[in-house]
Protein backbone atom coordinates (compact mmCIF):
# COMPACT_ATOMS: atom_id res chain seq x y z
CA UNK A 1 0.00 0.00 0.00
CA UNK A 2 1.28 3.47 -0.87
CA UNK A 3 2.58 5.24 2.20
CA UNK A 4 0.57 8.37 1.40
CA UNK A 5 -2.68 6.40 1.31
CA UNK A 6 -1.94 4.83 4.66
CA UNK A 7 -1.00 8.20 6.13
CA UNK A 8 -4.30 9.69 4.88
CA UNK A 9 -6.21 6.80 6.38
CA UNK A 10 -4.52 7.05 9.73
CA UNK A 11 -5.16 10.81 9.79
CA UNK A 12 -8.83 10.09 9.07
CA UNK A 13 -8.96 7.73 12.04
CA UNK A 14 -7.39 10.34 14.28
CA UNK A 15 -10.08 12.85 13.28
CA UNK A 16 -12.74 10.31 14.17
CA UNK A 17 -11.17 9.56 17.52
CA UNK A 18 -11.04 13.26 18.42
CA UNK A 19 -14.70 13.59 17.45
CA UNK A 20 -15.61 10.54 19.54
CA UNK A 21 -13.91 11.94 22.61
CA UNK A 22 -15.51 15.36 22.10
CA UNK A 23 -18.97 13.79 21.79
CA UNK A 24 -18.53 11.57 24.85
CA UNK A 25 -18.41 8.27 22.97
CA UNK A 26 -15.95 5.59 24.07
CA UNK A 27 -15.97 3.76 20.73
CA UNK A 28 -17.68 3.21 17.40
CA UNK A 29 -18.88 -0.19 16.25
CA UNK A 30 -19.28 -0.25 12.47
CA UNK A 31 -20.49 -3.17 10.40
CA UNK A 32 -20.11 -3.80 6.67
CA UNK A 33 -20.83 -0.60 4.74
CA UNK A 34 -19.48 2.70 3.50
CA UNK A 35 -18.43 4.02 6.91
CA UNK A 36 -16.33 0.91 7.48
CA UNK A 37 -14.65 1.33 4.10
CA UNK A 38 -14.08 5.02 4.82
CA UNK A 39 -12.29 4.27 8.10
CA UNK A 40 -10.57 0.95 7.38
CA UNK A 41 -9.28 1.26 3.83
CA UNK A 42 -10.79 -2.08 2.82
CA UNK A 43 -11.50 -1.66 -0.92
CA UNK A 44 -15.02 -3.03 -1.45
CA UNK A 45 -18.23 -3.76 0.43
CA UNK A 46 -18.85 -7.44 1.21
CA UNK A 47 -22.05 -8.21 -0.71
CA UNK A 48 -23.11 -11.17 1.41
CA UNK A 49 -24.07 -10.88 5.08
CA UNK A 50 -22.70 -14.38 5.63
CA UNK A 51 -19.22 -12.88 6.22
CA UNK A 52 -19.68 -9.33 7.52
CA UNK A 53 -16.89 -7.00 8.58
CA UNK A 54 -16.76 -5.28 11.99
CA UNK A 55 -14.66 -2.27 12.90
CA UNK A 56 -14.22 -1.10 16.49
CA UNK A 57 -12.78 2.42 16.69
CA UNK A 58 -12.07 3.41 20.31
CA UNK A 59 -11.78 7.05 21.29
CA UNK A 60 -8.27 6.14 22.49
CA UNK A 61 -6.08 3.28 21.31
CA UNK A 62 -5.77 1.14 18.18
CA UNK A 63 -8.86 0.26 16.15
CA UNK A 64 -9.71 -3.41 15.62
CA UNK A 65 -10.89 -4.78 12.26
CA UNK A 66 -12.67 -8.13 12.57
CA UNK A 67 -13.06 -10.06 9.31
CA UNK A 68 -13.86 -13.58 8.20
CA UNK A 69 -10.69 -15.67 7.90
CA UNK A 70 -11.04 -15.72 4.11
CA UNK A 71 -10.72 -11.93 3.98
CA UNK A 72 -7.71 -11.54 6.28
CA UNK A 73 -5.05 -11.29 3.59
CA UNK A 74 -7.00 -8.61 1.69
CA UNK A 75 -7.70 -6.64 4.86
CA UNK A 76 -4.01 -6.58 5.76
CA UNK A 77 -2.89 -5.79 2.23
CA UNK A 78 -5.30 -2.98 1.39
CA UNK A 79 -6.35 -1.49 4.71
CA UNK A 80 -4.59 0.74 7.20
CA UNK A 81 -5.80 -1.01 10.38
CA UNK A 82 -2.89 -2.75 12.11
CA UNK A 83 -4.95 -4.93 14.48
CA UNK A 84 -6.79 -7.29 12.10
CA UNK A 85 -8.54 -10.26 13.72
CA UNK A 86 -10.55 -13.11 12.24
CA UNK A 87 -13.55 -15.33 12.87
CA UNK A 88 -14.79 -18.44 11.04
CA UNK A 89 -18.53 -19.07 11.60
CA UNK A 90 -20.83 -17.95 8.82
CA UNK A 91 -24.11 -16.01 9.05
CA UNK A 92 -23.95 -15.17 12.76
CA UNK A 93 -22.23 -12.35 14.61
CA UNK A 94 -18.87 -13.46 16.09
CA UNK A 95 -19.85 -12.68 19.68
CA UNK A 96 -16.78 -14.11 21.40
CA UNK A 97 -14.42 -12.20 19.13
CA UNK A 98 -16.38 -8.97 19.51
CA UNK A 99 -16.42 -9.28 23.29
CA UNK A 100 -12.66 -9.90 23.32
CA UNK A 101 -12.01 -6.83 21.18
CA UNK A 102 -14.25 -4.66 23.39
CA UNK A 103 -12.47 -5.97 26.47
CA UNK A 104 -9.01 -5.42 25.00
CA UNK A 105 -9.89 -1.79 24.26
CA UNK A 106 -11.48 -1.23 27.66
CA UNK A 107 -14.92 -0.29 26.34
CA UNK A 108 -17.08 -3.13 27.67
CA UNK A 109 -18.80 -0.61 29.93
CA UNK A 110 -18.57 2.28 27.52
CA UNK A 111 -20.88 4.41 25.39
CA UNK A 112 -20.74 2.89 21.91
CA UNK A 113 -21.81 4.63 18.71
CA UNK A 114 -23.71 2.67 16.06
CA UNK A 115 -24.96 3.41 12.54
CA UNK A 116 -28.60 3.67 13.56
CA UNK A 117 -29.96 7.04 12.44
CA UNK A 118 -29.96 9.45 9.54
CA UNK A 119 -29.34 7.64 6.25
CA UNK A 120 -27.22 4.97 7.91
CA UNK A 121 -27.12 1.24 7.22
CA UNK A 122 -25.87 -1.24 9.79
CA UNK A 123 -24.47 -4.18 7.86
CA UNK A 124 -25.93 -6.98 9.95
CA UNK A 125 -29.42 -8.46 10.36
CA UNK A 126 -31.54 -6.97 13.14
CA UNK A 127 -31.58 -10.28 15.01
CA UNK A 128 -27.77 -10.34 15.01
CA UNK A 129 -27.66 -6.77 16.27
CA UNK A 130 -29.86 -7.83 19.17
CA UNK A 131 -27.52 -10.75 19.92
CA UNK A 132 -24.57 -8.34 19.96
CA UNK A 133 -26.41 -6.00 22.32
CA UNK A 134 -27.30 -8.90 24.62
CA UNK A 135 -23.72 -10.22 24.63
CA UNK A 136 -22.32 -6.76 25.34
CA UNK A 137 -25.10 -5.71 27.68
CA UNK A 138 -22.73 -3.77 29.93
CA UNK A 139 -22.13 -1.28 27.11
CA UNK A 140 -24.57 1.50 26.11
CA UNK A 141 -25.33 1.57 22.40
CA UNK A 142 -26.45 4.89 20.90
CA UNK A 143 -26.85 6.42 17.47
CA UNK A 144 -23.71 8.06 16.02
CA UNK A 145 -25.13 9.11 12.66
CA UNK A 146 -24.67 12.83 13.17
CA UNK A 147 -21.08 12.35 14.30
CA UNK A 148 -20.32 10.24 11.22
CA UNK A 149 -21.96 12.63 8.77
CA UNK A 150 -20.31 15.58 10.46
CA UNK A 151 -16.95 14.01 9.67
CA UNK A 152 -17.80 12.85 6.17
CA UNK A 153 -19.46 16.07 4.99
CA UNK A 154 -16.29 18.11 5.63
CA UNK A 155 -13.69 16.94 3.14
CA UNK A 156 -9.95 17.27 3.69
CA UNK A 157 -7.65 18.61 1.00
CA UNK A 158 -6.79 15.01 0.05
CA UNK A 159 -10.48 14.10 -0.19
CA UNK A 160 -11.15 17.08 -2.45
CA UNK A 161 -8.16 16.17 -4.62
CA UNK A 162 -9.70 12.73 -5.18
CA UNK A 163 -13.11 14.21 -6.11
CA UNK A 164 -11.42 16.72 -8.40
CA UNK A 165 -9.58 13.90 -10.19
CA UNK A 166 -12.80 11.87 -10.48
CA UNK A 167 -14.46 14.91 -12.07
CA UNK A 168 -11.56 15.36 -14.50
CA UNK A 169 -11.79 11.70 -15.51
CA UNK A 170 -15.54 11.98 -16.07
CA UNK A 171 -15.13 15.18 -18.12
CA UNK A 172 -12.47 13.54 -20.31
CA UNK A 173 -14.71 10.49 -20.79
CA UNK A 174 -17.59 12.74 -21.86
CA UNK A 175 -15.37 14.47 -24.42
CA UNK A 176 -14.18 11.17 -25.85
CA UNK A 177 -17.61 9.55 -25.91
CA UNK A 178 -19.48 12.42 -27.57
CA UNK A 179 -16.67 12.76 -30.14
CA UNK A 180 -17.03 9.18 -31.44
CA UNK A 181 -20.74 8.38 -30.90
CA UNK A 182 -22.94 8.29 -34.01
CA UNK A 183 -26.65 8.29 -34.69
CA UNK A 184 -28.17 4.88 -35.26
CA UNK A 185 -26.26 3.32 -32.39
CA UNK A 186 -27.98 1.81 -29.41
CA UNK A 187 -27.26 4.18 -26.56
CA UNK A 188 -26.10 1.21 -24.50
CA UNK A 189 -23.10 1.21 -26.82
CA UNK A 190 -22.45 4.85 -25.96
CA UNK A 191 -22.94 4.08 -22.28
CA UNK A 192 -20.41 1.25 -22.40
CA UNK A 193 -18.02 3.55 -24.25
CA UNK A 194 -18.36 6.19 -21.52
CA UNK A 195 -17.86 3.67 -18.72
CA UNK A 196 -14.83 2.22 -20.49
CA UNK A 197 -13.31 5.68 -20.97
CA UNK A 198 -13.58 6.33 -17.23
CA UNK A 199 -12.13 2.92 -16.38
CA UNK A 200 -9.25 3.45 -18.79
CA UNK A 201 -8.34 6.58 -16.83
CA UNK A 202 -8.42 4.68 -13.51
CA UNK A 203 -11.87 5.85 -12.46
CA UNK A 204 -13.36 2.98 -10.48
CA UNK A 205 -16.93 1.62 -10.65
CA UNK A 206 -18.25 3.90 -13.41
CA UNK A 207 -22.02 4.01 -13.79
CA UNK A 208 -24.15 5.12 -16.74
CA UNK A 209 -27.89 4.25 -17.03
CA UNK A 210 -29.35 4.21 -20.58
CA UNK A 211 -31.19 1.95 -23.08
CA UNK A 212 -32.59 3.17 -26.45
CA UNK A 213 -31.61 3.64 -30.11
CA UNK A 214 -30.51 7.11 -31.20
CA UNK A 215 -32.34 8.77 -34.10
CA UNK A 216 -32.04 12.25 -35.59
CA UNK A 217 -33.12 14.88 -33.06
CA UNK A 218 -32.81 12.51 -30.10
CA UNK A 219 -30.91 13.66 -27.04
CA UNK A 220 -28.11 11.55 -25.60
CA UNK A 221 -28.09 12.50 -21.93
CA UNK A 222 -25.65 11.03 -19.44
CA UNK A 223 -25.69 11.38 -15.66
CA UNK A 224 -22.48 9.60 -14.77
CA UNK A 225 -19.51 9.39 -12.46
CA UNK A 226 -16.63 7.31 -11.16
CA UNK A 227 -14.64 7.03 -7.95
CA UNK A 228 -11.01 7.79 -7.12
CA UNK A 229 -9.69 6.59 -3.76
CA UNK A 230 -13.32 5.96 -2.79
CA UNK A 231 -14.55 9.50 -3.60
CA UNK A 232 -17.11 10.05 -6.36
CA UNK A 233 -17.84 12.41 -9.20
CA UNK A 234 -21.45 12.88 -10.34
CA UNK A 235 -22.56 15.25 -13.09
CA UNK A 236 -24.52 15.23 -16.33
CA UNK A 237 -23.89 16.37 -19.90
CA UNK A 238 -25.90 16.05 -23.14
CA UNK A 239 -25.78 15.89 -26.91
CA UNK A 240 -28.24 15.72 -29.81
CA UNK A 241 -28.13 13.57 -32.93
CA UNK A 242 -27.85 16.05 -35.78
CA UNK A 243 -28.19 19.74 -35.02
CA UNK A 244 -30.09 20.73 -31.86
CA UNK A 245 -33.37 22.44 -32.60
CA UNK A 246 -33.99 26.02 -31.54
CA UNK A 247 -36.23 24.71 -28.74
CA UNK A 248 -33.50 22.37 -27.50
CA UNK A 249 -30.86 25.09 -27.55
CA UNK A 250 -33.12 27.47 -25.65
CA UNK A 251 -34.04 24.85 -23.03
CA UNK A 252 -30.37 24.03 -22.49
CA UNK A 253 -29.54 27.73 -22.19
CA UNK A 254 -32.21 28.24 -19.55
CA UNK A 255 -31.31 25.20 -17.45
CA UNK A 256 -27.56 25.94 -17.58
CA UNK A 257 -28.30 29.51 -16.52
CA UNK A 258 -30.50 28.44 -13.63
CA UNK A 259 -27.86 25.93 -12.50
CA UNK A 260 -25.25 28.70 -12.56
CA UNK A 261 -27.52 30.88 -10.38
CA UNK A 262 -27.69 28.10 -7.81
CA UNK A 263 -23.92 27.58 -7.95
CA UNK A 264 -23.35 31.30 -7.42
CA UNK A 265 -25.08 31.05 -4.04
CA UNK A 266 -22.66 28.42 -2.72
CA UNK A 267 -20.44 29.84 0.02
CA UNK A 268 -19.86 29.36 3.77
CA UNK A 269 -22.78 30.37 5.97
CA UNK A 270 -25.50 29.86 3.35
CA UNK A 271 -28.31 27.44 4.19
CA UNK A 272 -28.84 24.73 1.56
CA UNK A 273 -32.57 25.40 1.97
CA UNK A 274 -32.00 28.94 0.62
CA UNK A 275 -30.35 27.54 -2.50
CA UNK A 276 -33.19 25.06 -2.91
CA UNK A 277 -35.75 27.86 -2.65
CA UNK A 278 -34.04 29.95 -5.33
CA UNK A 279 -33.57 27.02 -7.71
CA UNK A 280 -37.08 25.62 -7.19
CA UNK A 281 -38.49 29.07 -7.87
CA UNK A 282 -36.34 29.30 -10.98
CA UNK A 283 -37.70 25.99 -12.28
CA UNK A 284 -41.25 27.32 -11.89
CA UNK A 285 -40.28 30.46 -13.82
CA UNK A 286 -38.72 28.66 -16.80
CA UNK A 287 -40.32 29.65 -20.08
CA UNK A 288 -40.56 26.07 -21.29
CA UNK A 289 -43.28 23.41 -21.79
CA UNK A 290 -42.23 21.50 -18.66
CA UNK A 291 -43.74 18.02 -18.36
CA UNK A 292 -41.92 17.15 -15.14
CA UNK A 293 -39.20 18.64 -12.93
CA UNK A 294 -36.49 16.36 -11.62
CA UNK A 295 -36.51 18.25 -8.30
CA UNK A 296 -40.19 17.36 -7.84
CA UNK A 297 -39.38 13.71 -8.44
CA UNK A 298 -36.20 13.63 -6.34
CA UNK A 299 -37.31 15.98 -3.56
CA UNK A 300 -34.13 18.06 -3.89
CA UNK A 301 -32.11 20.13 -6.35
CA UNK A 302 -28.73 18.77 -5.29
CA UNK A 303 -26.91 16.62 -2.75
CA UNK A 304 -23.61 15.97 -1.08
CA UNK A 305 -20.92 13.97 -2.88
CA UNK A 306 -18.19 11.98 -1.20
CA UNK A 307 -17.64 8.35 -0.29
CA UNK A 308 -21.22 7.82 -1.48
CA UNK A 309 -22.42 9.16 -4.83
CA UNK A 310 -25.24 10.88 -2.97
CA UNK A 311 -24.97 11.72 0.72
CA UNK A 312 -25.92 14.57 3.07
CA UNK A 313 -26.39 17.44 2.88
CA UNK A 314 -29.38 17.54 0.53
CA UNK A 315 -30.10 20.79 -1.28
CA UNK A 316 -33.69 20.73 -0.12
CA UNK A 317 -36.13 22.90 1.80
CA UNK A 318 -36.18 20.17 4.47
CA UNK A 319 -32.42 20.08 5.15
CA UNK A 320 -31.18 22.42 7.92
CA UNK A 321 -27.50 22.26 6.91
CA UNK A 322 -25.50 25.48 6.75
CA UNK A 323 -22.65 25.26 4.25
CA UNK A 324 -19.11 25.08 5.62
CA UNK A 325 -15.71 25.06 3.89
CA UNK A 326 -14.82 21.55 2.75
CA UNK A 327 -18.36 20.49 1.87
CA UNK A 328 -18.93 19.23 -1.68
CA UNK A 329 -22.44 19.40 -3.13
CA UNK A 330 -24.18 19.22 -6.49
CA UNK A 331 -26.61 21.72 -7.98
CA UNK A 332 -28.92 20.02 -10.46
CA UNK A 333 -32.26 21.48 -11.52
CA UNK A 334 -33.69 19.59 -14.45
CA UNK A 335 -36.85 19.41 -16.53
CA UNK A 336 -38.43 16.99 -18.98
CA UNK A 337 -39.98 18.61 -22.06
CA UNK A 338 -41.56 17.27 -25.27
CA UNK A 339 -38.17 17.73 -26.98
CA UNK A 340 -35.83 16.28 -24.34
CA UNK A 341 -34.55 16.18 -20.78
CA UNK A 342 -32.46 19.18 -19.75
CA UNK A 343 -30.16 18.81 -16.76
CA UNK A 344 -26.58 20.08 -16.43
CA UNK A 345 -25.50 19.04 -12.94
CA UNK A 346 -22.44 20.65 -11.37
CA UNK A 347 -20.16 19.44 -8.54
CA UNK A 348 -19.23 22.35 -6.28
CA UNK A 349 -16.70 22.67 -3.46
CA UNK A 350 -17.40 25.14 -0.65
CA UNK A 351 -14.17 27.09 -0.13
CA UNK A 352 -13.17 29.49 2.64
CA UNK A 353 -14.34 32.48 0.64
CA UNK A 354 -16.91 31.07 -1.79
CA UNK A 355 -16.90 28.05 -4.06
CA UNK A 356 -15.05 26.16 -6.79
CA UNK A 357 -16.78 24.24 -9.57
CA UNK A 358 -15.10 20.84 -9.85
CA UNK A 359 -17.13 19.55 -12.83
CA UNK A 360 -15.23 21.52 -15.47
CA UNK A 361 -16.76 20.30 -18.70
CA UNK A 362 -18.56 22.11 -21.54
CA UNK A 363 -22.27 22.56 -20.89
CA UNK A 364 -23.69 23.10 -24.37
CA UNK A 365 -25.47 20.41 -26.37
CA UNK A 366 -22.85 18.42 -28.31
CA UNK A 367 -23.71 17.62 -31.93
CA UNK A 368 -23.68 13.89 -32.67
CA UNK A 369 -23.40 12.98 -36.35
CA UNK A 370 -26.52 11.14 -37.61
CA UNK A 371 -26.34 7.68 -39.14
């Protein structure tokens, strides 16, 4: 493992431990999921709950990563946790091993944070969670969702560098894909081309959802991204087979302009609800035959980006978050019309004095040669 990656991971753990102590928690207990990847360095989520991962992060002392014996070599090779332990039984929580780890870290009688609340997933069945609670009944288990999101919403310089690189990879893949795509192709072909272009540039796990054949006048719209060091990009760009119509050009101009107005509001101290109000109002004021607004369907006009493609904060009237330096959000009003879907999402970093757009990629409608 590269020394810099390990150093970043260990620094991340230290931030968590400071936050735990400040919040009065004695430890975190994380099960298979994004938070565990974020804090352990293990590269992928275990898809089966037969062999879950467990990470104990004490407020003081070395974390313990507990994995099935078949995953030990990977955990040691890719992660930055020094104390890796194993268990062998499938499909049930390894109670003896968990108790031993809690005892070794002196937290058997402590206040333990779990992934129980806001947009959290605990990677074990409910019945197994109850068995863990019964086995460790001397500990107090409480929700640590706000602590975890508080840490993950504020990106470090290294985190931002990874998102910036993921955005650059996605922008380059858009350029390449639109340059070689032709009318008459199935857009799955274009989608595979885009995903391959991201993978070729070391963007992991690219995603592109599409399925139809492209005829003259059809829009090819991608909402895509990839991850670098676990951190995601996520923004959309569009093209039209043949020359865009006057209606399509005008709709794109209006949606790009409205998106820019939302981006211009991004700075420390601004409530995401204020941005949502401006953008939602702007959607209502568009001079277009709107059939549906993506914000009505999604319940928001943007979201956080980080170790998950979408994560808090949500740019929504219901989210109380006040922007702080280090947060990364998207702004993405969009509308469906009789002549296409118009949506030009941007990825935006909150800086000390304002913002930086990370999704640097042309926003006009690309012209795709017809068949």
